[in-house]
Amino acid sequence: MARELPKRTYGKTGVQMPILALGGAGVLQDASRKQVIRTAMERFPFDMVLFPLNPTEPHHPRTFAKEFLEYARRKGVGLAVMKVMGVGRLVGEGKFTVSELFRYALSHPIHTAVILPNSLRELRELLAAARAFTPMTPDEMRALEARAKPLTDQVAGMYHQWP
């Protein structure tokens, strides 16, 4: 198995081939990341995509949440989200509870969320939130987004600057 991994990754039918094809077509050079991903989804059959989703996302210019979520759903692509707790920067006194952020993410049409608790307390809160889960209403989601707007640069701005 280990010997086959390089071939499966870098061979002619390897997982890197769609990315190289996009690079050769010039797509990766000037486009924003969301355009790259959308173009890749148009050209290649992806089963699932992973992207950030938390209440700061709608306020950031490089967000995937606005148009990408619906586009991927229409294409039948599985949706996995990350950065639900804003790399830990959204949780705490005067900010948000783990439960609010969990409910926000799972109130979108996603298939799974990758959530990394920073403590045993946060893990327990996530488990309690999962047991008691009810989707947020659109008004509740907008209210959370409004509260998150002042945190956009220190949360979404931080991880969207990564290459």
C-alpha atoms as a PDB file:
ATOM      1  CA  MET A   1       0.000   0.000   0.000  1.00  0.00           C
ATOM      2  CA  ALA A   2       2.733   2.490   0.974  1.00  0.00           C
ATOM      3  CA  ARG A   3       4.626   1.789  -2.240  1.00  0.00           C
ATOM      4  CA  GLU A   4       1.521   2.504  -4.311  1.00  0.00           C
ATOM      5  CA  LEU A   5       0.837   5.856  -2.660  1.00  0.00           C
ATOM      6  CA  PRO A   6       3.287   7.891  -4.775  1.00  0.00           C
ATOM      7  CA  LYS A   7       1.896   6.343  -7.959  1.00  0.00           C
ATOM      8  CA  ARG A   8      -1.698   6.981  -6.876  1.00  0.00           C
ATOM      9  CA  THR A   9      -0.795  10.563  -6.003  1.00  0.00           C
ATOM     10  CA  TYR A  10       1.647  11.570  -8.732  1.00  0.00           C
ATOM     11  CA  GLY A  11       0.964   9.091 -11.549  1.00  0.00           C
ATOM     12  CA  LYS A  12      -1.009   9.835 -14.713  1.00  0.00           C
ATOM     13  CA  THR A  13      -4.265   8.991 -12.941  1.00  0.00           C
ATOM     14  CA  GLY A  14      -3.171  10.403  -9.569  1.00  0.00           C
ATOM     15  CA  VAL A  15      -5.061  12.874  -7.435  1.00  0.00           C
ATOM     16  CA  GLN A  16      -2.773  15.736  -8.402  1.00  0.00           C
ATOM     17  CA  MET A  17      -3.716  15.549 -12.098  1.00  0.00           C
ATOM     18  CA  PRO A  18      -6.852  17.755 -11.872  1.00  0.00           C
ATOM     19  CA  ILE A  19      -4.837  20.434 -10.065  1.00  0.00           C
ATOM     20  CA  LEU A  20      -2.034  20.285 -12.632  1.00  0.00           C
ATOM     21  CA  ALA A  21      -4.582  20.450 -15.451  1.00  0.00           C
ATOM     22  CA  LEU A  22      -6.054  23.623 -13.970  1.00  0.00           C
ATOM     23  CA  GLY A  23      -2.580  25.117 -13.608  1.00  0.00           C
ATOM     24  CA  GLY A  24      -1.712  24.278 -17.213  1.00  0.00           C
ATOM     25  CA  ALA A  25      -4.949  25.862 -18.379  1.00  0.00           C
ATOM     26  CA  GLY A  26      -4.019  29.103 -16.613  1.00  0.00           C
ATOM     27  CA  VAL A  27      -6.868  28.863 -14.149  1.00  0.00           C
ATOM     28  CA  LEU A  28      -4.662  28.865 -11.048  1.00  0.00           C
ATOM     29  CA  GLN A  29      -2.640  31.908 -12.018  1.00  0.00           C
ATOM     30  CA  ASP A  30      -5.000  34.876 -11.807  1.00  0.00           C
ATOM     31  CA  ALA A  31      -8.217  33.586 -10.292  1.00  0.00           C
ATOM     32  CA  SER A  32      -9.342  33.882  -6.715  1.00  0.00           C
ATOM     33  CA  ARG A  33      -9.548  30.667  -4.739  1.00  0.00           C
ATOM     34  CA  LYS A  34     -13.304  30.403  -5.028  1.00  0.00           C
ATOM     35  CA  GLN A  35     -13.090  30.779  -8.815  1.00  0.00           C
ATOM     36  CA  VAL A  36     -10.442  28.060  -8.897  1.00  0.00           C
ATOM     37  CA  ILE A  37     -12.618  25.696  -6.891  1.00  0.00           C
ATOM     38  CA  ARG A  38     -15.707  26.469  -8.942  1.00  0.00           C
ATOM     39  CA  THR A  39     -13.794  25.897 -12.186  1.00  0.00           C
ATOM     40  CA  ALA A  40     -12.388  22.649 -10.820  1.00  0.00           C
ATOM     41  CA  MET A  41     -15.920  21.516  -9.926  1.00  0.00           C
ATOM     42  CA  GLU A  42     -17.093  22.315 -13.448  1.00  0.00           C
ATOM     43  CA  ARG A  43     -14.268  20.332 -15.050  1.00  0.00           C
ATOM     44  CA  PHE A  44     -13.784  17.390 -12.689  1.00  0.00           C
ATOM     45  CA  PRO A  45     -16.144  15.103 -10.728  1.00  0.00           C
ATOM     46  CA  PHE A  46     -15.529  15.981  -7.074  1.00  0.00           C
ATOM     47  CA  ASP A  47     -17.360  14.012  -4.394  1.00  0.00           C
ATOM     48  CA  MET A  48     -16.804  16.484  -1.567  1.00  0.00           C
ATOM     49  CA  VAL A  49     -15.310  19.897  -0.819  1.00  0.00           C
ATOM     50  CA  LEU A  50     -14.035  21.336   2.456  1.00  0.00           C
ATOM     51  CA  PHE A  51     -14.340  25.055   3.192  1.00  0.00           C
ATOM     52  CA  PRO A  52     -14.576  27.439   6.179  1.00  0.00           C
ATOM     53  CA  LEU A  53     -17.954  28.344   7.674  1.00  0.00           C
ATOM     54  CA  ASN A  54     -18.668  30.472  10.738  1.00  0.00           C
ATOM     55  CA  PRO A  55     -20.606  33.716  11.353  1.00  0.00           C
ATOM     56  CA  THR A  56     -17.683  35.929  10.221  1.00  0.00           C
ATOM     57  CA  GLU A  57     -17.618  34.394   6.745  1.00  0.00           C
ATOM     58  CA  PRO A  58     -20.456  36.434   5.169  1.00  0.00           C
ATOM     59  CA  HIS A  59     -18.497  39.622   5.931  1.00  0.00           C
ATOM     60  CA  HIS A  60     -15.186  38.601   4.340  1.00  0.00           C
ATOM     61  CA  PRO A  61     -14.543  39.307   0.630  1.00  0.00           C
ATOM     62  CA  ARG A  62     -12.878  35.894   0.065  1.00  0.00           C
ATOM     63  CA  THR A  63     -15.737  33.912   1.591  1.00  0.00           C
ATOM     64  CA  PHE A  64     -16.984  30.696   0.049  1.00  0.00           C
ATOM     65  CA  ALA A  65     -20.291  30.807   1.911  1.00  0.00           C
ATOM     66  CA  LYS A  66     -22.193  33.309  -0.218  1.00  0.00           C
ATOM     67  CA  GLU A  67     -22.368  31.744  -3.659  1.00  0.00           C
ATOM     68  CA  PHE A  68     -20.280  28.610  -3.381  1.00  0.00           C
ATOM     69  CA  LEU A  69     -22.435  26.749  -0.864  1.00  0.00           C
ATOM     70  CA  GLU A  70     -25.498  26.828  -3.104  1.00  0.00           C
ATOM     71  CA  TYR A  71     -23.486  26.093  -6.266  1.00  0.00           C
ATOM     72  CA  ALA A  72     -21.878  23.003  -4.729  1.00  0.00           C
ATOM     73  CA  ARG A  73     -25.228  21.809  -3.407  1.00  0.00           C
ATOM     74  CA  ARG A  74     -26.792  22.106  -6.895  1.00  0.00           C
ATOM     75  CA  LYS A  75     -23.870  20.132  -8.365  1.00  0.00           C
ATOM     76  CA  GLY A  76     -24.503  17.334  -5.849  1.00  0.00           C
ATOM     77  CA  VAL A  77     -21.110  17.751  -4.212  1.00  0.00           C
ATOM     78  CA  GLY A  78     -20.766  16.816  -0.547  1.00  0.00           C
ATOM     79  CA  LEU A  79     -20.152  19.789   1.724  1.00  0.00           C
ATOM     80  CA  ALA A  80     -17.768  19.586   4.672  1.00  0.00           C
ATOM     81  CA  VAL A  81     -17.021  22.696   6.704  1.00  0.00           C
ATOM     82  CA  MET A  82     -14.156  23.675   8.969  1.00  0.00           C
ATOM     83  CA  LYS A  83     -13.185  26.690  11.096  1.00  0.00           C
ATOM     84  CA  VAL A  84     -16.618  26.499  12.747  1.00  0.00           C
ATOM     85  CA  MET A  85     -15.211  28.042  15.937  1.00  0.00           C
ATOM     86  CA  GLY A  86     -12.969  30.443  14.032  1.00  0.00           C
ATOM     87  CA  VAL A  87      -9.729  28.701  15.000  1.00  0.00           C
ATOM     88  CA  GLY A  88     -10.811  29.187  18.625  1.00  0.00           C
ATOM     89  CA  ARG A  89     -11.096  32.964  18.230  1.00  0.00           C
ATOM     90  CA  LEU A  90     -14.896  33.069  18.319  1.00  0.00           C
ATOM     91  CA  VAL A  91     -15.368  31.258  21.625  1.00  0.00           C
ATOM     92  CA  GLY A  92     -15.155  32.998  24.955  1.00  0.00           C
ATOM     93  CA  GLU A  93     -16.505  35.693  27.188  1.00  0.00           C
ATOM     94  CA  GLY A  94     -18.233  38.414  25.211  1.00  0.00           C
ATOM     95  CA  LYS A  95     -18.112  36.342  22.023  1.00  0.00           C
ATOM     96  CA  PHE A  96     -20.014  33.127  21.230  1.00  0.00           C
ATOM     97  CA  THR A  97     -20.803  29.845  22.889  1.00  0.00           C
ATOM     98  CA  VAL A  98     -19.724  26.561  21.347  1.00  0.00           C
ATOM     99  CA  SER A  99     -23.400  25.679  21.004  1.00  0.00           C
ATOM    100  CA  GLU A 100     -24.201  28.831  19.007  1.00  0.00           C
ATOM    101  CA  LEU A 101     -21.382  28.184  16.556  1.00  0.00           C
ATOM    102  CA  PHE A 102     -22.261  24.487  16.221  1.00  0.00           C
ATOM    103  CA  ARG A 103     -25.911  25.330  15.548  1.00  0.00           C
ATOM    104  CA  TYR A 104     -24.923  28.021  13.043  1.00  0.00           C
ATOM    105  CA  ALA A 105     -22.795  25.631  10.988  1.00  0.00           C
ATOM    106  CA  LEU A 106     -25.273  22.769  11.070  1.00  0.00           C
ATOM    107  CA  SER A 107     -28.139  25.065  10.118  1.00  0.00           C
ATOM    108  CA  HIS A 108     -26.601  25.320   6.634  1.00  0.00           C
ATOM    109  CA  PRO A 109     -27.138  22.587   4.003  1.00  0.00           C
ATOM    110  CA  ILE A 110     -23.881  20.767   4.800  1.00  0.00           C
ATOM    111  CA  HIS A 111     -23.035  17.096   5.224  1.00  0.00           C
ATOM    112  CA  THR A 112     -20.410  17.271   7.954  1.00  0.00           C
ATOM    113  CA  ALA A 113     -18.425  19.690  10.077  1.00  0.00           C
ATOM    114  CA  VAL A 114     -14.834  19.321  11.221  1.00  0.00           C
ATOM    115  CA  ILE A 115     -14.779  20.855  14.684  1.00  0.00           C
ATOM    116  CA  LEU A 116     -11.679  20.825  16.862  1.00  0.00           C
ATOM    117  CA  PRO A 117     -12.489  21.634  20.489  1.00  0.00           C
ATOM    118  CA  ASN A 118      -9.706  23.360  22.413  1.00  0.00           C
ATOM    119  CA  SER A 119     -10.567  21.764  25.735  1.00  0.00           C
ATOM    120  CA  LEU A 120     -12.534  18.998  27.392  1.00  0.00           C
ATOM    121  CA  ARG A 121     -15.121  21.632  28.386  1.00  0.00           C
ATOM    122  CA  GLU A 122     -15.619  22.582  24.720  1.00  0.00           C
ATOM    123  CA  LEU A 123     -15.927  18.907  23.765  1.00  0.00           C
ATOM    124  CA  ARG A 124     -18.636  18.449  26.397  1.00  0.00           C
ATOM    125  CA  GLU A 125     -20.439  21.551  25.120  1.00  0.00           C
ATOM    126  CA  LEU A 126     -20.317  20.182  21.567  1.00  0.00           C
ATOM    127  CA  LEU A 127     -21.753  16.857  22.684  1.00  0.00           C
ATOM    128  CA  ALA A 128     -24.554  18.641  24.561  1.00  0.00           C
ATOM    129  CA  ALA A 129     -25.241  20.845  21.532  1.00  0.00           C
ATOM    130  CA  ALA A 130     -25.424  17.785  19.277  1.00  0.00           C
ATOM    131  CA  ARG A 131     -27.887  16.059  21.593  1.00  0.00           C
ATOM    132  CA  ALA A 132     -30.121  19.133  21.804  1.00  0.00           C
ATOM    133  CA  PHE A 133     -29.652  20.316  18.209  1.00  0.00           C
ATOM    134  CA  THR A 134     -32.355  22.368  16.549  1.00  0.00           C
ATOM    135  CA  PRO A 135     -31.620  24.370  13.394  1.00  0.00           C
ATOM    136  CA  MET A 136     -31.388  28.135  13.673  1.00  0.00           C
ATOM    137  CA  THR A 137     -33.984  30.251  11.973  1.00  0.00           C
ATOM    138  CA  PRO A 138     -32.774  32.640   9.267  1.00  0.00           C
ATOM    139  CA  ASP A 139     -33.303  35.533  11.718  1.00  0.00           C
ATOM    140  CA  GLU A 140     -31.137  33.802  14.357  1.00  0.00           C
ATOM    141  CA  MET A 141     -28.423  33.207  11.776  1.00  0.00           C
ATOM    142  CA  ARG A 142     -28.454  36.854  10.659  1.00  0.00           C
ATOM    143  CA  ALA A 143     -28.283  38.003  14.295  1.00  0.00           C
ATOM    144  CA  LEU A 144     -25.220  35.811  14.903  1.00  0.00           C
ATOM    145  CA  GLU A 145     -23.596  37.147  11.728  1.00  0.00           C
ATOM    146  CA  ALA A 146     -24.244  40.735  12.861  1.00  0.00           C
ATOM    147  CA  ARG A 147     -22.621  40.025  16.241  1.00  0.00           C
ATOM    148  CA  ALA A 148     -19.637  38.436  14.458  1.00  0.00           C
ATOM    149  CA  LYS A 149     -19.001  41.265  12.008  1.00  0.00           C
ATOM    150  CA  PRO A 150     -16.533  43.159  14.276  1.00  0.00           C
ATOM    151  CA  LEU A 151     -14.455  39.944  14.563  1.00  0.00           C
ATOM    152  CA  THR A 152     -14.156  39.319  10.813  1.00  0.00           C
ATOM    153  CA  ASP A 153     -10.583  40.591  10.365  1.00  0.00           C
ATOM    154  CA  GLN A 154      -9.167  38.707  13.346  1.00  0.00           C
ATOM    155  CA  VAL A 155     -10.974  35.469  12.451  1.00  0.00           C
ATOM    156  CA  ALA A 156     -11.762  35.040   8.741  1.00  0.00           C
ATOM    157  CA  GLY A 157      -9.132  37.608   7.809  1.00  0.00           C
ATOM    158  CA  MET A 158      -6.495  35.504   9.542  1.00  0.00           C
ATOM    159  CA  TYR A 159      -7.093  32.230   7.720  1.00  0.00           C
ATOM    160  CA  HIS A 160      -8.140  33.726   4.367  1.00  0.00           C
ATOM    161  CA  GLN A 161      -4.707  35.334   4.047  1.00  0.00           C
ATOM    162  CA  TRP A 162      -3.102  31.898   3.908  1.00  0.00           C
ATOM    163  CA  PRO A 163      -2.094  30.886   0.378  1.00  0.00           C
END
